[in-house]
N, C-alpha and C. Protein backbone atom coordinates (compact mmCIF):
# COMPACT_ATOMS: atom_id res chain seq x y z
N MET A 1 0.82 -1.18 0.00
CA MET A 1 -0.04 0.00 -0.04
C MET A 1 0.91 1.24 -0.08
N LEU A 2 0.64 2.13 -0.90
CA LEU A 2 1.39 3.41 -0.99
C LEU A 2 1.15 4.33 0.10
N ASN A 3 2.13 5.06 0.64
CA ASN A 3 1.88 6.09 1.58
C ASN A 3 1.24 7.35 0.93
N VAL A 4 0.66 8.24 1.69
CA VAL A 4 -0.10 9.30 1.11
C VAL A 4 0.81 10.22 0.26
N THR A 5 2.03 10.37 0.76
CA THR A 5 2.98 11.36 0.05
C THR A 5 3.31 10.78 -1.37
N THR A 6 3.44 9.49 -1.52
CA THR A 6 3.76 8.85 -2.77
C THR A 6 2.53 8.97 -3.67
N LEU A 7 1.29 8.65 -3.11
CA LEU A 7 0.08 8.79 -3.87
C LEU A 7 -0.09 10.26 -4.47
N ALA A 8 0.19 11.20 -3.61
CA ALA A 8 0.01 12.61 -4.07
C ALA A 8 1.07 12.91 -5.25
N LYS A 9 2.22 12.25 -5.19
CA LYS A 9 3.21 12.44 -6.24
C LYS A 9 2.61 12.01 -7.68
N GLY A 10 1.64 11.08 -7.64
CA GLY A 10 1.03 10.53 -8.88
C GLY A 10 0.15 11.50 -9.57
N ILE A 11 -0.37 12.48 -8.82
CA ILE A 11 -1.43 13.43 -9.34
C ILE A 11 -0.98 14.16 -10.65
N PRO A 12 0.15 14.69 -10.75
CA PRO A 12 0.51 15.33 -11.95
C PRO A 12 0.52 14.49 -13.19
N GLY A 13 0.72 13.24 -13.05
CA GLY A 13 0.74 12.28 -14.12
C GLY A 13 -0.62 11.82 -14.68
N ILE A 14 -1.69 12.25 -14.02
CA ILE A 14 -3.00 11.76 -14.35
C ILE A 14 -3.43 12.71 -15.44
N ILE A 15 -3.17 12.38 -16.72
CA ILE A 15 -3.53 13.12 -17.87
C ILE A 15 -4.52 12.39 -18.76
N PRO A 16 -5.66 12.90 -19.05
CA PRO A 16 -6.54 12.25 -19.91
C PRO A 16 -5.98 11.80 -21.30
N GLY A 17 -6.26 10.62 -21.78
CA GLY A 17 -5.73 10.14 -22.99
C GLY A 17 -4.67 8.95 -22.67
N GLY A 18 -4.02 8.48 -23.70
CA GLY A 18 -3.11 7.35 -23.51
C GLY A 18 -1.78 7.73 -23.14
N LEU A 19 -1.33 7.13 -22.00
CA LEU A 19 0.07 7.30 -21.58
C LEU A 19 0.76 6.04 -21.37
N SER A 20 2.07 6.08 -21.67
CA SER A 20 2.88 4.87 -21.30
C SER A 20 3.35 5.04 -19.89
N VAL A 21 3.91 3.91 -19.36
CA VAL A 21 4.46 4.03 -18.02
C VAL A 21 5.67 4.99 -17.96
N LYS A 22 6.45 5.05 -19.05
CA LYS A 22 7.54 6.02 -19.17
C LYS A 22 7.00 7.46 -19.07
N ASP A 23 5.84 7.73 -19.86
CA ASP A 23 5.30 9.07 -19.86
C ASP A 23 4.84 9.41 -18.48
N PHE A 24 4.21 8.46 -17.79
CA PHE A 24 3.71 8.77 -16.46
C PHE A 24 4.89 8.92 -15.48
N SER A 25 5.94 8.20 -15.68
CA SER A 25 7.15 8.38 -14.86
C SER A 25 7.80 9.75 -15.03
N MET A 26 7.76 10.27 -16.26
CA MET A 26 8.34 11.53 -16.53
C MET A 26 7.50 12.67 -15.88
N ALA A 27 6.21 12.48 -16.12
CA ALA A 27 5.27 13.56 -15.67
C ALA A 27 5.26 13.67 -14.06
N THR A 28 5.52 12.50 -13.36
CA THR A 28 5.53 12.48 -11.99
C THR A 28 6.91 12.62 -11.36
N GLN A 29 7.92 12.71 -12.19
CA GLN A 29 9.30 12.78 -11.79
C GLN A 29 9.60 11.55 -10.76
N THR A 30 9.30 10.42 -11.20
CA THR A 30 9.51 9.14 -10.40
C THR A 30 10.26 8.16 -11.23
N SER A 31 10.77 7.18 -10.57
CA SER A 31 11.39 6.04 -11.37
C SER A 31 10.28 5.23 -12.03
N GLU A 32 10.51 4.47 -13.07
CA GLU A 32 9.54 3.65 -13.68
C GLU A 32 8.93 2.59 -12.75
N ASP A 33 9.79 2.11 -11.89
CA ASP A 33 9.29 1.08 -10.93
C ASP A 33 8.29 1.73 -9.95
N LEU A 34 8.66 2.97 -9.40
CA LEU A 34 7.68 3.57 -8.60
C LEU A 34 6.38 4.01 -9.33
N ALA A 35 6.60 4.42 -10.58
CA ALA A 35 5.47 4.86 -11.39
C ALA A 35 4.48 3.65 -11.60
N ARG A 36 4.99 2.47 -11.78
CA ARG A 36 4.24 1.27 -11.92
C ARG A 36 3.44 0.97 -10.57
N GLU A 37 4.14 1.13 -9.49
CA GLU A 37 3.56 0.95 -8.15
C GLU A 37 2.37 1.90 -7.95
N ILE A 38 2.63 3.20 -8.32
CA ILE A 38 1.56 4.27 -8.06
C ILE A 38 0.38 3.93 -9.01
N LEU A 39 0.72 3.45 -10.31
CA LEU A 39 -0.43 3.15 -11.18
C LEU A 39 -1.22 1.97 -10.73
N ASP A 40 -0.51 1.01 -10.18
CA ASP A 40 -1.26 -0.20 -9.63
C ASP A 40 -2.21 0.21 -8.51
N ASN A 41 -1.71 1.08 -7.63
CA ASN A 41 -2.52 1.52 -6.46
C ASN A 41 -3.66 2.43 -6.94
N LEU A 42 -3.44 3.28 -7.92
CA LEU A 42 -4.59 4.05 -8.46
C LEU A 42 -5.68 3.19 -9.10
N MET A 43 -5.26 2.12 -9.78
CA MET A 43 -6.24 1.23 -10.43
C MET A 43 -7.02 0.47 -9.40
N GLN A 44 -6.33 0.11 -8.22
CA GLN A 44 -7.06 -0.55 -7.10
C GLN A 44 -8.12 0.29 -6.57
N ASN A 45 -7.97 1.63 -6.75
CA ASN A 45 -8.93 2.69 -6.28
C ASN A 45 -9.89 2.96 -7.47
N GLY A 46 -9.93 2.32 -8.53
CA GLY A 46 -10.84 2.53 -9.63
C GLY A 46 -10.42 3.72 -10.49
N ILE A 47 -9.16 4.09 -10.43
CA ILE A 47 -8.69 5.23 -11.21
C ILE A 47 -7.71 4.80 -12.31
N GLY A 48 -8.07 5.08 -13.62
CA GLY A 48 -7.24 4.63 -14.71
C GLY A 48 -7.49 3.17 -15.04
N ARG A 49 -7.05 2.86 -16.21
CA ARG A 49 -7.13 1.46 -16.76
C ARG A 49 -6.03 1.25 -17.82
N PHE A 50 -5.60 -0.04 -17.88
CA PHE A 50 -4.67 -0.35 -19.00
C PHE A 50 -5.49 -0.75 -20.22
N GLU A 51 -5.09 -0.22 -21.32
CA GLU A 51 -5.83 -0.45 -22.61
C GLU A 51 -4.81 -0.41 -23.74
N ASP A 52 -4.61 -1.59 -24.44
CA ASP A 52 -3.80 -1.55 -25.57
C ASP A 52 -2.30 -1.11 -25.13
N GLY A 53 -1.84 -1.48 -23.97
CA GLY A 53 -0.47 -1.27 -23.50
C GLY A 53 -0.27 0.18 -23.01
N GLN A 54 -1.39 0.91 -22.96
CA GLN A 54 -1.32 2.29 -22.37
C GLN A 54 -2.29 2.49 -21.25
N ILE A 55 -1.97 3.57 -20.41
CA ILE A 55 -2.84 3.84 -19.29
C ILE A 55 -3.84 4.86 -19.76
N GLN A 56 -5.16 4.67 -19.55
CA GLN A 56 -6.16 5.64 -19.95
C GLN A 56 -6.82 6.29 -18.69
N PHE A 57 -6.79 7.50 -18.59
CA PHE A 57 -7.40 8.28 -17.53
C PHE A 57 -8.55 9.00 -18.01
N GLU A 58 -9.61 9.32 -17.14
CA GLU A 58 -10.79 10.04 -17.48
C GLU A 58 -10.55 11.52 -16.90
N ASP A 59 -11.34 12.50 -17.44
CA ASP A 59 -11.24 13.87 -17.05
C ASP A 59 -11.25 14.06 -15.56
N SER A 60 -12.06 13.31 -14.81
CA SER A 60 -12.27 13.50 -13.44
C SER A 60 -11.29 12.71 -12.51
N ASP A 61 -10.36 11.96 -13.10
CA ASP A 61 -9.53 11.03 -12.29
C ASP A 61 -8.58 11.84 -11.44
N LYS A 62 -8.05 12.97 -11.93
CA LYS A 62 -7.07 13.78 -11.20
C LYS A 62 -7.68 14.13 -9.78
N LEU A 63 -8.94 14.73 -9.92
CA LEU A 63 -9.62 15.21 -8.67
C LEU A 63 -9.99 14.09 -7.79
N LYS A 64 -10.37 12.87 -8.32
CA LYS A 64 -10.76 11.74 -7.48
C LYS A 64 -9.58 11.36 -6.72
N THR A 65 -8.34 11.29 -7.38
CA THR A 65 -7.12 10.93 -6.63
C THR A 65 -6.82 11.89 -5.51
N SER A 66 -6.99 13.20 -5.84
CA SER A 66 -6.76 14.37 -4.85
C SER A 66 -7.68 14.15 -3.62
N VAL A 67 -8.93 13.81 -3.87
CA VAL A 67 -9.90 13.62 -2.81
C VAL A 67 -9.41 12.48 -1.87
N ILE A 68 -8.95 11.39 -2.57
CA ILE A 68 -8.40 10.23 -1.88
C ILE A 68 -7.28 10.72 -0.91
N ALA A 69 -6.33 11.38 -1.65
CA ALA A 69 -5.06 11.75 -0.94
C ALA A 69 -5.38 12.71 0.29
N ILE A 70 -6.29 13.66 0.05
CA ILE A 70 -6.62 14.55 1.18
C ILE A 70 -7.32 13.74 2.34
N SER A 71 -8.20 12.76 1.97
CA SER A 71 -8.91 11.94 2.93
C SER A 71 -7.80 11.16 3.79
N MET A 72 -6.66 10.92 3.19
CA MET A 72 -5.61 10.09 3.80
C MET A 72 -4.68 10.97 4.56
N GLY A 73 -4.78 12.28 4.54
CA GLY A 73 -4.01 13.16 5.26
C GLY A 73 -3.00 13.92 4.48
N ALA A 74 -3.04 13.99 3.20
CA ALA A 74 -2.13 14.74 2.36
C ALA A 74 -2.36 16.29 2.59
N PRO A 75 -1.39 17.07 2.63
CA PRO A 75 -1.60 18.58 2.86
C PRO A 75 -2.45 19.17 1.79
N ILE A 76 -3.56 19.81 2.22
CA ILE A 76 -4.48 20.40 1.25
C ILE A 76 -3.80 21.39 0.28
N ASP A 77 -2.87 22.21 0.88
CA ASP A 77 -2.29 23.19 0.03
C ASP A 77 -1.41 22.58 -1.10
N GLU A 78 -0.79 21.50 -0.74
CA GLU A 78 0.09 20.81 -1.66
C GLU A 78 -0.75 20.10 -2.78
N VAL A 79 -1.81 19.57 -2.45
CA VAL A 79 -2.75 18.85 -3.43
C VAL A 79 -3.35 19.94 -4.25
N SER A 80 -3.91 21.01 -3.72
CA SER A 80 -4.57 22.10 -4.53
C SER A 80 -3.82 22.70 -5.61
N ARG A 81 -2.46 22.71 -5.32
CA ARG A 81 -1.61 23.31 -6.36
C ARG A 81 -1.47 22.42 -7.59
N MET A 82 -1.90 21.21 -7.54
CA MET A 82 -1.85 20.28 -8.72
C MET A 82 -3.17 20.33 -9.44
N LEU A 83 -4.23 21.00 -9.02
CA LEU A 83 -5.50 20.90 -9.62
C LEU A 83 -5.73 22.14 -10.45
N GLU A 84 -6.67 21.91 -11.50
CA GLU A 84 -7.17 23.01 -12.22
C GLU A 84 -8.64 23.04 -11.99
N TRP A 85 -9.28 24.26 -12.40
CA TRP A 85 -10.72 24.35 -12.18
C TRP A 85 -11.52 23.25 -12.93
N GLN A 86 -10.89 22.92 -14.11
CA GLN A 86 -11.69 21.94 -14.90
C GLN A 86 -11.71 20.64 -14.25
N ASP A 87 -10.71 20.17 -13.49
CA ASP A 87 -10.71 18.95 -12.83
C ASP A 87 -11.89 18.89 -11.79
N PHE A 88 -12.13 19.98 -11.16
CA PHE A 88 -13.12 19.98 -10.10
C PHE A 88 -14.54 19.95 -10.79
N GLU A 89 -14.68 20.62 -11.86
CA GLU A 89 -16.02 20.71 -12.50
C GLU A 89 -16.32 19.32 -13.18
N SER A 90 -15.29 18.70 -13.68
CA SER A 90 -15.45 17.42 -14.41
C SER A 90 -15.95 16.30 -13.32
N LEU A 91 -15.46 16.42 -12.07
CA LEU A 91 -15.84 15.42 -11.20
C LEU A 91 -17.23 15.64 -10.66
N ALA A 92 -17.61 16.94 -10.47
CA ALA A 92 -18.96 17.29 -10.07
C ALA A 92 -19.92 16.87 -11.14
N ALA A 93 -19.63 17.08 -12.40
CA ALA A 93 -20.57 16.76 -13.39
C ALA A 93 -20.65 15.16 -13.59
N GLU A 94 -19.63 14.50 -13.36
CA GLU A 94 -19.65 13.00 -13.52
C GLU A 94 -20.52 12.48 -12.34
N VAL A 95 -20.41 12.96 -11.14
CA VAL A 95 -21.23 12.52 -10.04
C VAL A 95 -22.72 12.76 -10.32
N LEU A 96 -23.11 13.87 -11.00
CA LEU A 96 -24.51 14.04 -11.33
C LEU A 96 -24.88 13.13 -12.40
N GLU A 97 -24.04 12.91 -13.47
CA GLU A 97 -24.45 11.99 -14.52
C GLU A 97 -24.71 10.57 -14.02
N LYS A 98 -23.91 10.04 -13.02
CA LYS A 98 -24.06 8.81 -12.44
C LYS A 98 -25.36 8.71 -11.62
N ARG A 99 -25.87 9.78 -11.28
CA ARG A 99 -27.24 9.82 -10.53
C ARG A 99 -28.33 10.17 -11.54
N ASP A 100 -28.03 9.99 -12.89
CA ASP A 100 -29.04 10.20 -13.97
C ASP A 100 -29.53 11.64 -14.12
N PHE A 101 -28.67 12.57 -13.73
CA PHE A 101 -29.01 13.92 -14.07
C PHE A 101 -28.60 14.23 -15.56
N GLU A 102 -29.41 14.93 -16.29
CA GLU A 102 -28.83 15.52 -17.64
C GLU A 102 -27.94 16.58 -17.24
N THR A 103 -26.68 16.51 -17.67
CA THR A 103 -25.65 17.40 -17.06
C THR A 103 -24.94 18.17 -18.17
N THR A 104 -24.77 19.48 -17.90
CA THR A 104 -23.98 20.41 -18.76
C THR A 104 -22.96 21.16 -17.94
N LYS A 105 -21.76 21.33 -18.46
CA LYS A 105 -20.74 22.16 -17.84
C LYS A 105 -20.64 23.56 -18.54
N ASN A 106 -20.34 24.54 -17.72
CA ASN A 106 -19.99 25.89 -18.27
C ASN A 106 -21.21 26.42 -19.11
N VAL A 107 -22.37 26.50 -18.43
CA VAL A 107 -23.48 27.05 -19.12
C VAL A 107 -23.46 28.55 -19.08
N ILE A 108 -23.55 29.16 -20.28
CA ILE A 108 -23.44 30.63 -20.36
C ILE A 108 -24.82 31.22 -20.81
N MET A 109 -25.30 32.25 -20.02
CA MET A 109 -26.49 32.89 -20.43
C MET A 109 -26.17 34.41 -20.67
N LYS A 110 -26.99 35.07 -21.43
CA LYS A 110 -26.75 36.45 -21.84
C LYS A 110 -27.77 37.33 -21.16
N ASN A 111 -27.51 38.65 -21.17
CA ASN A 111 -28.44 39.70 -20.77
C ASN A 111 -28.99 39.46 -19.39
N PRO A 112 -28.20 39.57 -18.36
CA PRO A 112 -26.86 39.86 -18.27
C PRO A 112 -26.02 38.58 -18.53
N ARG A 113 -24.81 38.63 -18.82
CA ARG A 113 -23.89 37.44 -19.13
C ARG A 113 -23.51 36.88 -17.81
N ILE A 114 -23.86 35.57 -17.65
CA ILE A 114 -23.49 34.74 -16.43
C ILE A 114 -23.08 33.45 -16.88
N GLN A 115 -22.19 32.77 -16.04
CA GLN A 115 -21.70 31.49 -16.34
C GLN A 115 -21.98 30.58 -15.11
N ILE A 116 -22.48 29.38 -15.39
CA ILE A 116 -22.84 28.46 -14.33
C ILE A 116 -21.90 27.28 -14.50
N ASP A 117 -21.10 26.88 -13.52
CA ASP A 117 -20.08 25.80 -13.65
C ASP A 117 -20.76 24.45 -14.19
N VAL A 118 -21.75 24.00 -13.46
CA VAL A 118 -22.35 22.74 -13.72
C VAL A 118 -23.85 22.84 -13.42
N VAL A 119 -24.64 22.30 -14.49
CA VAL A 119 -26.05 22.31 -14.32
C VAL A 119 -26.55 20.85 -14.48
N GLY A 120 -27.27 20.35 -13.65
CA GLY A 120 -27.83 18.91 -13.62
C GLY A 120 -29.36 19.04 -13.55
N ILE A 121 -30.05 18.36 -14.44
CA ILE A 121 -31.53 18.37 -14.43
C ILE A 121 -32.09 16.93 -14.34
N LYS A 122 -33.01 16.81 -13.43
CA LYS A 122 -33.58 15.39 -13.24
C LYS A 122 -35.08 15.61 -12.85
N SER A 123 -35.92 15.01 -13.62
CA SER A 123 -37.36 15.13 -13.34
C SER A 123 -37.79 16.64 -13.29
N GLU A 124 -37.24 17.36 -14.25
CA GLU A 124 -37.57 18.80 -14.47
C GLU A 124 -37.15 19.63 -13.21
N VAL A 125 -36.28 19.14 -12.35
CA VAL A 125 -35.71 19.99 -11.33
C VAL A 125 -34.19 19.99 -11.49
N ALA A 126 -33.69 21.27 -11.44
CA ALA A 126 -32.35 21.59 -11.82
C ALA A 126 -31.54 21.74 -10.52
N ILE A 127 -30.30 21.36 -10.48
CA ILE A 127 -29.30 21.75 -9.46
C ILE A 127 -28.18 22.62 -10.24
N LEU A 128 -27.96 23.75 -9.75
CA LEU A 128 -27.00 24.62 -10.34
C LEU A 128 -25.86 24.75 -9.40
N ILE A 129 -24.54 24.31 -9.83
CA ILE A 129 -23.48 24.22 -9.01
C ILE A 129 -22.35 25.22 -9.36
N ASP A 130 -21.96 25.87 -8.36
CA ASP A 130 -20.72 26.82 -8.37
C ASP A 130 -19.68 26.05 -7.79
N CYS A 131 -18.54 25.68 -8.45
CA CYS A 131 -17.38 24.96 -7.88
C CYS A 131 -16.42 25.97 -7.27
N LYS A 132 -16.15 25.78 -6.01
CA LYS A 132 -15.20 26.74 -5.32
C LYS A 132 -13.91 25.89 -4.97
N HIS A 133 -12.89 26.26 -5.56
CA HIS A 133 -11.56 25.63 -5.39
C HIS A 133 -10.81 26.55 -4.44
N TRP A 134 -11.31 26.69 -3.20
CA TRP A 134 -10.64 27.55 -2.23
C TRP A 134 -10.09 26.60 -1.17
N ASN A 135 -9.07 27.20 -0.63
CA ASN A 135 -8.43 26.48 0.60
C ASN A 135 -9.00 27.14 1.83
N ASN A 136 -8.90 28.48 1.97
CA ASN A 136 -9.41 29.17 3.18
C ASN A 136 -10.58 30.00 2.83
N MET A 137 -11.84 29.44 3.23
CA MET A 137 -13.00 30.14 2.87
C MET A 137 -13.59 30.77 4.06
N THR A 138 -13.68 32.08 4.02
CA THR A 138 -14.33 32.73 5.12
C THR A 138 -15.82 32.71 5.02
N GLN A 139 -16.51 32.91 6.10
CA GLN A 139 -17.99 32.90 6.06
C GLN A 139 -18.49 33.99 5.18
N SER A 140 -17.94 35.17 5.22
CA SER A 140 -18.39 36.19 4.32
C SER A 140 -18.26 35.97 2.81
N ALA A 141 -17.13 35.36 2.46
CA ALA A 141 -16.85 34.95 1.13
C ALA A 141 -17.86 33.89 0.60
N LEU A 142 -18.19 32.98 1.48
CA LEU A 142 -19.25 31.93 1.20
C LEU A 142 -20.57 32.60 0.97
N GLN A 143 -20.87 33.56 1.88
CA GLN A 143 -22.22 34.26 1.79
C GLN A 143 -22.33 34.91 0.53
N GLU A 144 -21.17 35.55 0.00
CA GLU A 144 -21.20 36.31 -1.25
C GLU A 144 -21.31 35.38 -2.41
N ALA A 145 -20.71 34.17 -2.33
CA ALA A 145 -20.82 33.22 -3.42
C ALA A 145 -22.27 32.66 -3.48
N VAL A 146 -22.86 32.53 -2.30
CA VAL A 146 -24.31 32.12 -2.23
C VAL A 146 -25.18 33.11 -2.87
N LYS A 147 -25.00 34.37 -2.61
CA LYS A 147 -25.80 35.40 -3.10
C LYS A 147 -25.76 35.50 -4.59
N LYS A 148 -24.53 35.38 -5.19
CA LYS A 148 -24.37 35.36 -6.65
C LYS A 148 -24.94 34.12 -7.25
N GLN A 149 -24.91 32.95 -6.61
CA GLN A 149 -25.43 31.78 -7.09
C GLN A 149 -26.99 31.75 -7.17
N VAL A 150 -27.62 32.43 -6.16
CA VAL A 150 -29.05 32.57 -6.12
C VAL A 150 -29.47 33.44 -7.28
N ILE A 151 -28.75 34.51 -7.59
CA ILE A 151 -29.07 35.37 -8.79
C ILE A 151 -28.93 34.60 -10.12
N ARG A 152 -27.92 33.82 -10.18
CA ARG A 152 -27.74 32.92 -11.38
C ARG A 152 -29.01 31.99 -11.55
N THR A 153 -29.31 31.32 -10.46
CA THR A 153 -30.37 30.41 -10.50
C THR A 153 -31.69 31.10 -10.98
N LYS A 154 -32.00 32.25 -10.41
CA LYS A 154 -33.21 33.02 -10.88
C LYS A 154 -33.26 33.24 -12.29
N GLN A 155 -32.07 33.61 -12.81
CA GLN A 155 -31.99 33.92 -14.23
C GLN A 155 -32.20 32.69 -15.09
N PHE A 156 -31.59 31.56 -14.63
CA PHE A 156 -31.70 30.29 -15.31
C PHE A 156 -33.24 29.86 -15.30
N VAL A 157 -33.87 29.99 -14.19
CA VAL A 157 -35.23 29.60 -14.15
C VAL A 157 -36.13 30.46 -15.11
N SER A 158 -35.80 31.70 -15.24
CA SER A 158 -36.51 32.62 -16.10
C SER A 158 -36.41 32.17 -17.63
N LYS A 159 -35.37 31.45 -17.94
CA LYS A 159 -35.08 31.21 -19.32
C LYS A 159 -35.09 29.72 -19.71
N HIS A 160 -35.39 28.88 -18.72
CA HIS A 160 -35.48 27.44 -19.03
C HIS A 160 -36.81 26.87 -18.44
N LYS A 161 -37.29 25.85 -19.14
CA LYS A 161 -38.47 25.18 -18.71
C LYS A 161 -38.14 24.09 -17.67
N VAL A 162 -38.15 24.55 -16.43
CA VAL A 162 -37.89 23.66 -15.29
C VAL A 162 -38.99 23.76 -14.22
N ARG A 163 -39.17 22.72 -13.38
CA ARG A 163 -40.20 22.85 -12.35
C ARG A 163 -39.68 23.59 -11.16
N GLY A 164 -38.38 23.52 -11.03
CA GLY A 164 -37.72 24.20 -10.01
C GLY A 164 -36.19 24.11 -10.14
N ALA A 165 -35.43 24.92 -9.33
CA ALA A 165 -33.97 24.91 -9.50
C ALA A 165 -33.29 25.20 -8.10
N ILE A 166 -32.22 24.48 -7.78
CA ILE A 166 -31.57 24.66 -6.54
C ILE A 166 -30.23 25.20 -6.76
N PRO A 167 -29.85 26.34 -6.19
CA PRO A 167 -28.44 26.80 -6.20
C PRO A 167 -27.72 26.05 -5.23
N ALA A 168 -26.44 25.73 -5.67
CA ALA A 168 -25.55 24.93 -4.60
C ALA A 168 -24.04 25.42 -4.85
N ILE A 169 -23.31 25.35 -3.88
CA ILE A 169 -21.79 25.64 -3.78
C ILE A 169 -21.19 24.23 -3.55
N VAL A 170 -20.31 23.81 -4.40
CA VAL A 170 -19.52 22.59 -4.03
C VAL A 170 -17.98 22.95 -3.91
N THR A 171 -17.48 22.41 -2.77
CA THR A 171 -16.11 22.83 -2.30
C THR A 171 -15.26 21.59 -2.19
N LEU A 172 -13.90 21.80 -2.22
CA LEU A 172 -13.00 20.72 -2.02
C LEU A 172 -12.77 20.56 -0.52
N TYR A 173 -12.81 21.56 0.29
CA TYR A 173 -12.21 21.60 1.61
C TYR A 173 -13.20 21.48 2.77
N GLN A 174 -14.54 21.60 2.51
CA GLN A 174 -15.44 21.49 3.60
C GLN A 174 -15.46 20.03 4.18
N HIS A 175 -15.84 19.85 5.43
CA HIS A 175 -16.02 18.59 6.00
C HIS A 175 -17.38 18.00 5.94
N SER A 176 -18.35 18.86 5.92
CA SER A 176 -19.68 18.33 6.00
C SER A 176 -20.62 19.37 5.27
N VAL A 177 -21.83 18.93 4.89
CA VAL A 177 -22.84 19.81 4.25
C VAL A 177 -23.25 20.88 5.26
N GLN A 178 -23.35 22.23 4.81
CA GLN A 178 -23.98 23.20 5.58
C GLN A 178 -24.86 23.95 4.67
N PHE A 179 -25.72 24.77 5.24
CA PHE A 179 -26.56 25.62 4.56
C PHE A 179 -26.39 27.05 4.88
N ILE A 180 -26.34 27.91 3.90
CA ILE A 180 -26.36 29.38 4.04
C ILE A 180 -27.57 29.98 3.40
N ASP A 181 -28.41 30.50 4.07
CA ASP A 181 -29.72 31.04 3.42
C ASP A 181 -30.44 29.94 2.66
N LYS A 182 -30.40 28.72 3.21
CA LYS A 182 -31.09 27.52 2.57
C LYS A 182 -30.33 27.01 1.41
N VAL A 183 -29.24 27.65 1.01
CA VAL A 183 -28.35 27.10 -0.09
C VAL A 183 -27.34 26.14 0.43
N PRO A 184 -27.29 24.94 -0.14
CA PRO A 184 -26.30 23.90 0.52
C PRO A 184 -24.95 24.32 -0.04
N ILE A 185 -23.95 24.10 0.95
CA ILE A 185 -22.51 24.16 0.68
C ILE A 185 -22.14 22.71 0.82
N ILE A 186 -21.72 22.02 -0.27
CA ILE A 186 -21.40 20.59 -0.26
C ILE A 186 -19.99 20.31 -0.51
N PRO A 187 -19.33 19.51 0.31
CA PRO A 187 -18.04 19.04 0.05
C PRO A 187 -18.10 18.10 -1.11
N ILE A 188 -17.10 18.12 -2.00
CA ILE A 188 -17.18 17.26 -3.25
C ILE A 188 -17.27 15.74 -2.93
N HIS A 189 -16.72 15.30 -1.78
CA HIS A 189 -16.73 13.93 -1.33
C HIS A 189 -18.11 13.56 -0.91
N GLN A 190 -18.96 14.46 -0.74
CA GLN A 190 -20.38 14.18 -0.15
C GLN A 190 -21.39 14.50 -1.31
N LEU A 191 -20.92 14.92 -2.45
CA LEU A 191 -21.97 15.30 -3.48
C LEU A 191 -22.77 14.13 -3.93
N ASP A 192 -22.13 12.89 -4.06
CA ASP A 192 -22.90 11.77 -4.40
C ASP A 192 -23.98 11.48 -3.53
N SER A 193 -23.72 11.42 -2.22
CA SER A 193 -24.76 11.09 -1.18
C SER A 193 -25.88 12.23 -1.19
N PHE A 194 -25.39 13.46 -1.39
CA PHE A 194 -26.32 14.59 -1.42
C PHE A 194 -27.35 14.36 -2.51
N CYS A 195 -26.86 13.99 -3.69
CA CYS A 195 -27.67 13.76 -4.87
C CYS A 195 -28.65 12.72 -4.62
N ASP A 196 -28.23 11.67 -3.85
CA ASP A 196 -29.06 10.48 -3.53
C ASP A 196 -30.27 10.95 -2.72
N GLU A 197 -29.94 11.94 -1.88
CA GLU A 197 -31.13 12.42 -1.09
C GLU A 197 -31.68 13.77 -1.53
N PHE A 198 -31.44 14.08 -2.84
CA PHE A 198 -31.68 15.38 -3.46
C PHE A 198 -33.30 15.74 -3.28
N TYR A 199 -34.15 14.76 -3.66
CA TYR A 199 -35.57 15.12 -3.50
C TYR A 199 -36.04 15.33 -2.07
N GLY A 200 -35.42 14.53 -1.16
CA GLY A 200 -35.71 14.64 0.23
C GLY A 200 -35.28 15.99 0.81
N ASN A 201 -34.30 16.53 0.18
CA ASN A 201 -33.79 17.86 0.70
C ASN A 201 -34.50 19.09 0.04
N LEU A 202 -35.32 18.86 -0.93
CA LEU A 202 -35.89 20.02 -1.59
C LEU A 202 -36.57 20.98 -0.72
N ASP A 203 -37.30 20.60 0.23
CA ASP A 203 -38.00 21.45 1.10
C ASP A 203 -37.16 22.31 1.84
N GLU A 204 -35.92 21.92 2.19
CA GLU A 204 -35.10 22.62 3.10
C GLU A 204 -34.30 23.70 2.24
N MET A 205 -34.35 23.68 1.02
CA MET A 205 -33.44 24.52 0.12
C MET A 205 -34.22 25.59 -0.53
N GLN A 206 -33.51 26.59 -0.84
CA GLN A 206 -34.11 27.72 -1.62
C GLN A 206 -34.23 27.30 -3.03
N SER A 207 -35.38 27.63 -3.65
CA SER A 207 -35.52 27.41 -5.03
C SER A 207 -36.09 28.47 -5.76
């Protein structure tokens, strides 16, 4: 079993598309033997697969690995430096898709121009996600993010045929779901279970 430091070293090598072990070794600045060990461990966690002699990664695999590394005690600052916004959005979208939401990333609306990171629609009810890749989130910053997401949600509802819509903030660093003005602040590792209880939570949330 790899220690958490070694697992974190593998994160820069998680690049979508086909990679050889040598490519992975160069990207992670490790020996090929250690690269193989990291890859074996990743695959045991359902990340990456061998196909035609190459390693294939999905868009969301880098963030999945980061979440595992953080849960094992890897320094959040160190892991966050290896992530891009797109990694975070891809994992959020993938979670919704697995829960049978029709999912779209980077939804842009005009007049006024706004952008929503991820929109998932299921049974004519939408969840609109703003992904926050923050390490140190103050309460006032979260409240401001909530206010903006509520405005985006109202604009989305005015222009789309949905029965209702829920604004939500998804973060990397929160430990548990909390609510600000009835808007859920959801840690990425709990997004799956949150979606599972989505309809049960509707009455508690602002729509």
